[in-house]
């Protein structure tokens, strides 16, 4: 029975750990650690299994966030959180706990927070835990927890137009916007691209030192649109383009020789793209190979007028 209880919570715990750590491998390790601790417990004295599992998972994640291996000083170039792809489809009864706060923008914003702020904010915003419930997890008083959450929310916003933090007001890119974006790109129409981008749009790119990517974030609609047009003009003509929606987040995927070489997601504000997240690190793109069969290929036969 105890095994069944844990398995009922595994997907939820994995999503929780992923939000806190931004890595599938780290999240899976954390959940495995929870499992080992769960098996050693006297389950008869645990009145709230969900609460116990979430608390233990949060504490493990807090330790990982504080550890040296969470430092990103040695990462080459910009770092983006791994695309979220659950190991199993969410059950019909799954609620926002399994779905909310898993997009690239939200996870990248969380990177601004201290480990304690990150754990507290996720538990409060996603799990709707009270200050009293969160306080023991982060070893603070309820009043301290309230102050920590106040500071955390204050950090989840851009400080200036040159701040690369994603816009907290951004909404996840929708499929029609993907199709309009790729059409303008395939036509090389910079004016059409600019019209789809917010003036303060930011391009975030992650190659991990294993694939070409921008060394720093790009700011502004004109710079971002010209960058995309330039890169698109140099792409391999054999490259195929797909779009797919995973857990509510839409992705544009480029495939070459049966491997995903680029993954792009975005968020928009007032109908225009405000943040673009470009993944080129093959280690992070590898998971897309398992879902590409469910993706929809985009027709790239559009040509400029006169061609």
Protein backbone atom coordinates (compact mmCIF):
# COMPACT_ATOMS: atom_id res chain seq x y z
CA UNK A 1 0.00 0.00 0.00
CA UNK A 2 2.83 2.44 0.82
CA UNK A 3 4.33 1.82 -2.63
CA UNK A 4 0.99 2.61 -4.25
CA UNK A 5 0.66 5.83 -2.27
CA UNK A 6 4.08 6.98 -3.40
CA UNK A 7 3.46 6.12 -7.04
CA UNK A 8 0.24 8.14 -6.92
CA UNK A 9 2.37 11.16 -5.98
CA UNK A 10 5.42 10.52 -8.17
CA UNK A 11 4.33 12.71 -11.11
CA UNK A 12 3.41 15.56 -8.76
CA UNK A 13 6.71 15.33 -6.89
CA UNK A 14 8.68 15.24 -10.15
CA UNK A 15 6.92 18.38 -11.41
CA UNK A 16 7.58 20.07 -8.06
CA UNK A 17 11.28 19.15 -8.07
CA UNK A 18 11.66 20.21 -11.70
CA UNK A 19 10.21 23.67 -10.93
CA UNK A 20 12.73 24.10 -8.15
CA UNK A 21 15.77 22.67 -9.94
CA UNK A 22 15.14 23.30 -13.66
CA UNK A 23 16.65 19.92 -14.58
CA UNK A 24 15.02 16.56 -15.29
CA UNK A 25 17.99 14.60 -14.00
CA UNK A 26 18.17 16.59 -10.75
CA UNK A 27 14.40 16.33 -10.31
CA UNK A 28 14.44 12.55 -10.84
CA UNK A 29 17.32 12.18 -8.37
CA UNK A 30 15.42 14.24 -5.79
CA UNK A 31 12.27 12.15 -6.18
CA UNK A 32 14.30 8.95 -5.87
CA UNK A 33 15.73 10.29 -2.63
CA UNK A 34 12.19 11.00 -1.40
CA UNK A 35 11.28 7.40 -2.25
CA UNK A 36 14.18 6.01 -0.25
CA UNK A 37 13.22 8.10 2.78
CA UNK A 38 9.54 7.18 2.37
CA UNK A 39 10.34 3.46 2.48
CA UNK A 40 12.14 3.86 5.83
CA UNK A 41 9.22 5.66 7.48
CA UNK A 42 6.60 4.27 9.80
CA UNK A 43 3.60 5.12 7.64
CA UNK A 44 1.13 4.53 10.46
CA UNK A 45 2.22 7.76 12.13
CA UNK A 46 1.96 9.86 8.95
CA UNK A 47 -1.52 11.38 8.88
CA UNK A 48 -0.98 13.45 5.71
CA UNK A 49 1.03 11.53 3.11
CA UNK A 50 0.83 14.32 0.51
CA UNK A 51 2.08 16.93 2.95
CA UNK A 52 4.91 14.68 4.16
CA UNK A 53 6.09 13.86 0.65
CA UNK A 54 5.97 17.47 -0.52
CA UNK A 55 7.84 18.69 2.57
CA UNK A 56 10.57 16.09 2.19
CA UNK A 57 10.89 16.75 -1.55
CA UNK A 58 11.11 20.50 -0.89
CA UNK A 59 13.83 20.01 1.72
CA UNK A 60 15.85 17.82 -0.64
CA UNK A 61 15.54 20.39 -3.41
CA UNK A 62 16.57 23.13 -1.01
CA UNK A 63 19.75 21.22 -0.20
CA UNK A 64 20.47 20.69 -3.91
CA UNK A 65 19.91 24.37 -4.68
CA UNK A 66 22.40 25.29 -1.97
CA UNK A 67 25.02 22.80 -3.10
CA UNK A 68 28.02 23.57 -5.27
CA UNK A 69 26.70 21.54 -8.19
CA UNK A 70 23.85 24.03 -8.63
CA UNK A 71 26.33 26.79 -9.36
CA UNK A 72 26.36 27.74 -13.06
CA UNK A 73 29.70 29.52 -13.21
CA UNK A 74 31.17 26.80 -15.42
CA UNK A 75 28.25 26.71 -17.86
CA UNK A 76 29.26 28.03 -21.27
CA UNK A 77 27.07 30.93 -22.41
CA UNK A 78 23.50 31.59 -21.33
CA UNK A 79 21.70 28.93 -19.30
CA UNK A 80 18.05 28.05 -19.91
CA UNK A 81 16.00 25.51 -17.92
CA UNK A 82 15.45 22.20 -19.65
CA UNK A 83 12.15 21.97 -21.57
CA UNK A 84 9.53 20.34 -19.35
CA UNK A 85 8.44 16.95 -20.60
CA UNK A 86 6.80 14.63 -18.07
CA UNK A 87 7.91 11.01 -18.17
CA UNK A 88 4.25 9.97 -18.20
CA UNK A 89 1.10 11.71 -19.49
CA UNK A 90 -0.81 13.61 -16.76
CA UNK A 91 -3.88 11.82 -15.45
CA UNK A 92 -7.32 13.14 -16.28
CA UNK A 93 -7.78 14.44 -12.76
CA UNK A 94 -4.48 16.33 -12.82
CA UNK A 95 -4.88 19.96 -11.76
CA UNK A 96 -2.73 23.06 -11.89
CA UNK A 97 -0.24 21.51 -9.51
CA UNK A 98 0.88 19.30 -12.40
CA UNK A 99 0.57 21.99 -15.07
CA UNK A 100 1.16 25.48 -13.71
CA UNK A 101 4.51 27.23 -13.50
CA UNK A 102 6.36 24.91 -15.88
CA UNK A 103 7.00 27.31 -18.77
CA UNK A 104 10.43 28.65 -19.69
CA UNK A 105 9.65 32.23 -18.63
CA UNK A 106 8.49 31.31 -15.14
CA UNK A 107 11.39 28.92 -14.53
CA UNK A 108 13.95 31.43 -15.77
CA UNK A 109 12.46 34.11 -13.52
CA UNK A 110 12.86 31.75 -10.57
CA UNK A 111 16.61 31.80 -11.21
CA UNK A 112 16.70 35.30 -9.73
CA UNK A 113 15.67 33.97 -6.34
CA UNK A 114 17.70 32.54 -3.49
CA UNK A 115 17.09 28.83 -2.80
CA UNK A 116 14.82 29.62 0.16
CA UNK A 117 12.86 32.21 -1.84
CA UNK A 118 12.43 29.78 -4.70
CA UNK A 119 11.13 26.94 -2.54
CA UNK A 120 8.78 29.25 -0.64
CA UNK A 121 7.37 30.84 -3.78
CA UNK A 122 6.72 27.55 -5.56
CA UNK A 123 5.00 26.05 -2.51
CA UNK A 124 2.87 29.17 -2.05
CA UNK A 125 1.98 29.95 -5.67
CA UNK A 126 1.64 26.44 -7.10
CA UNK A 127 0.64 24.33 -4.11
CA UNK A 128 -1.23 27.14 -2.35
CA UNK A 129 0.51 26.38 0.93
CA UNK A 130 0.04 28.87 3.75
CA UNK A 131 2.86 30.75 5.47
CA UNK A 132 2.44 28.47 8.48
CA UNK A 133 2.86 25.36 6.29
CA UNK A 134 5.92 26.70 4.45
CA UNK A 135 7.74 28.01 7.55
CA UNK A 136 8.93 24.60 8.88
CA UNK A 137 10.19 23.58 5.42
CA UNK A 138 12.50 26.59 5.12
CA UNK A 139 13.17 26.73 8.88
CA UNK A 140 11.69 30.19 9.37
CA UNK A 141 8.78 31.66 11.30
CA UNK A 142 5.49 32.32 9.54
CA UNK A 143 6.17 36.05 9.70
CA UNK A 144 9.65 35.58 8.21
CA UNK A 145 8.09 33.43 5.47
CA UNK A 146 5.67 36.22 4.63
CA UNK A 147 8.58 38.64 4.27
CA UNK A 148 10.54 36.15 2.15
CA UNK A 149 7.59 35.75 -0.22
CA UNK A 150 7.22 39.53 -0.46
CA UNK A 151 10.88 39.88 -1.48
CA UNK A 152 10.61 36.98 -3.91
CA UNK A 153 7.65 38.52 -5.73
CA UNK A 154 9.53 41.80 -5.94
CA UNK A 155 12.41 40.08 -7.72
CA UNK A 156 10.15 38.45 -10.30
CA UNK A 157 10.17 41.47 -12.59
CA UNK A 158 12.52 43.31 -14.89
CA UNK A 159 14.64 46.04 -13.32
CA UNK A 160 15.33 47.86 -16.59
CA UNK A 161 15.03 47.55 -20.37
CA UNK A 162 18.46 45.85 -20.41
CA UNK A 163 17.53 43.31 -17.75
CA UNK A 164 17.30 39.85 -19.31
CA UNK A 165 14.71 38.57 -16.85
CA UNK A 166 11.59 37.35 -18.74
CA UNK A 167 8.51 39.54 -18.56
CA UNK A 168 6.31 38.24 -15.68
CA UNK A 169 3.23 39.47 -17.55
CA UNK A 170 4.00 37.27 -20.56
CA UNK A 171 1.58 34.58 -21.69
CA UNK A 172 2.66 31.33 -23.32
CA UNK A 173 3.05 31.46 -27.11
CA UNK A 174 0.05 30.01 -28.94
CA UNK A 175 0.07 27.83 -32.06
CA UNK A 176 -1.32 30.45 -34.51
CA UNK A 177 1.47 32.82 -33.45
CA UNK A 178 4.05 30.12 -34.16
CA UNK A 179 2.70 29.64 -37.67
CA UNK A 180 2.63 33.40 -38.34
CA UNK A 181 6.19 33.74 -37.03
CA UNK A 182 7.61 30.96 -39.17
CA UNK A 183 5.76 32.22 -42.26
CA UNK A 184 7.27 35.70 -41.89
CA UNK A 185 10.66 34.12 -41.26
CA UNK A 186 10.47 31.86 -44.32
CA UNK A 187 9.62 34.93 -46.42
CA UNK A 188 12.51 36.89 -44.96
CA UNK A 189 10.02 39.64 -44.16
CA UNK A 190 11.69 41.72 -41.43
CA UNK A 191 8.82 44.21 -41.22
CA UNK A 192 6.35 41.40 -40.65
CA UNK A 193 8.61 39.89 -38.00
CA UNK A 194 9.04 43.23 -36.24
CA UNK A 195 5.26 43.65 -36.15
CA UNK A 196 4.98 40.38 -34.23
CA UNK A 197 7.60 41.34 -31.64
CA UNK A 198 7.21 43.65 -28.65
CA UNK A 199 9.59 46.64 -28.84
CA UNK A 200 11.40 45.36 -25.72
CA UNK A 201 11.54 41.71 -26.83
CA UNK A 202 14.46 39.63 -25.54
CA UNK A 203 16.06 36.62 -27.24
CA UNK A 204 17.45 34.09 -24.74
CA UNK A 205 19.65 31.42 -26.34
CA UNK A 206 21.35 28.34 -24.83
CA UNK A 207 23.98 26.32 -26.67
CA UNK A 208 25.87 25.05 -23.65
CA UNK A 209 29.15 25.30 -25.55
CA UNK A 210 28.03 22.38 -27.74
CA UNK A 211 26.14 24.29 -30.44
CA UNK A 212 26.16 27.82 -31.83
CA UNK A 213 24.07 30.28 -29.85
CA UNK A 214 24.18 33.99 -29.04
CA UNK A 215 26.81 34.75 -26.41
CA UNK A 216 24.50 37.23 -24.70
CA UNK A 217 20.77 37.99 -24.78
CA UNK A 218 19.59 40.13 -27.71
CA UNK A 219 17.33 43.09 -26.97
CA UNK A 220 14.84 44.89 -29.19
CA UNK A 221 12.53 43.95 -32.07
CA UNK A 222 14.87 45.11 -34.85
CA UNK A 223 17.94 43.25 -33.52
CA UNK A 224 15.98 40.07 -32.82
CA UNK A 225 14.19 40.02 -36.19
CA UNK A 226 17.39 40.62 -38.15
CA UNK A 227 19.16 37.91 -36.18
CA UNK A 228 16.46 35.36 -37.02
CA UNK A 229 16.39 36.30 -40.69
CA UNK A 230 20.18 36.03 -40.87
CA UNK A 231 20.26 32.62 -39.20
CA UNK A 232 17.33 31.36 -41.26
CA UNK A 233 19.13 32.29 -44.48
CA UNK A 234 22.06 30.05 -43.49
CA UNK A 235 20.03 27.02 -42.39
CA UNK A 236 20.49 23.64 -44.02
CA UNK A 237 17.80 23.24 -46.72
CA UNK A 238 17.21 19.67 -45.51
CA UNK A 239 16.10 20.93 -42.12
CA UNK A 240 12.45 20.20 -41.31
CA UNK A 241 10.32 22.37 -39.02
CA UNK A 242 7.57 21.20 -36.66
CA UNK A 243 5.36 22.61 -33.95
CA UNK A 244 4.09 20.77 -30.90
CA UNK A 245 2.32 21.66 -27.67
CA UNK A 246 3.61 19.98 -24.51
CA UNK A 247 1.81 20.57 -21.22
CA UNK A 248 0.33 23.81 -22.59
CA UNK A 249 3.64 25.19 -23.88
CA UNK A 250 4.05 25.50 -27.66
CA UNK A 251 7.40 24.68 -29.26
CA UNK A 252 8.88 25.24 -32.69
CA UNK A 253 11.27 22.37 -33.45
CA UNK A 254 13.92 22.13 -36.17
CA UNK A 255 15.03 18.64 -37.17
CA UNK A 256 18.05 17.63 -39.26
CA UNK A 257 19.12 14.04 -39.97
CA UNK A 258 16.41 12.78 -37.62
CA UNK A 259 17.76 14.83 -34.70
CA UNK A 260 16.26 17.93 -33.11
CA UNK A 261 18.82 20.71 -33.53
CA UNK A 262 16.80 23.70 -32.30
CA UNK A 263 13.80 24.19 -30.05
CA UNK A 264 12.06 27.56 -29.67
CA UNK A 265 9.33 28.62 -27.28
CA UNK A 266 8.12 32.11 -26.45
CA UNK A 267 5.82 34.21 -24.34
CA UNK A 268 3.76 37.16 -25.49
CA UNK A 269 2.28 40.33 -24.06
CA UNK A 270 -0.59 42.26 -25.63
CA UNK A 271 -0.48 40.01 -28.69
CA UNK A 272 3.26 40.43 -29.36
CA UNK A 273 6.19 38.19 -28.51
CA UNK A 274 8.09 39.58 -25.54
CA UNK A 275 10.51 36.71 -24.81
CA UNK A 276 11.99 34.07 -27.12
CA UNK A 277 13.77 31.02 -25.70
CA UNK A 278 16.06 29.27 -28.18
CA UNK A 279 17.51 25.89 -27.17
CA UNK A 280 20.53 24.55 -29.10
CA UNK A 281 22.25 22.47 -26.44
CA UNK A 282 21.85 18.89 -27.75
CA UNK A 283 21.73 17.50 -24.22
CA UNK A 284 18.56 19.48 -23.51
CA UNK A 285 17.03 18.86 -26.93
CA UNK A 286 17.40 15.10 -26.74
CA UNK A 287 14.06 14.61 -25.00
CA UNK A 288 12.20 16.09 -27.97
CA UNK A 289 13.19 13.09 -30.07
CA UNK A 290 10.69 11.00 -28.09
CA UNK A 291 7.74 13.27 -29.01
CA UNK A 292 8.60 14.42 -32.53
CA UNK A 293 6.29 11.75 -33.98
CA UNK A 294 3.36 13.65 -32.42
CA UNK A 295 4.46 17.01 -33.81
CA UNK A 296 2.93 18.74 -36.84
CA UNK A 297 5.28 19.57 -39.71
CA UNK A 298 5.15 23.12 -41.06
CA UNK A 299 5.08 23.66 -44.81
CA UNK A 300 8.10 25.76 -45.80
CA UNK A 301 7.32 26.08 -49.50
CA UNK A 302 6.50 29.82 -49.16
CA UNK A 303 8.63 32.03 -51.35
CA UNK A 304 9.07 35.74 -51.66
CA UNK A 305 7.07 37.36 -54.37
CA UNK A 306 8.81 36.93 -57.73
CA UNK A 307 10.81 33.85 -56.72
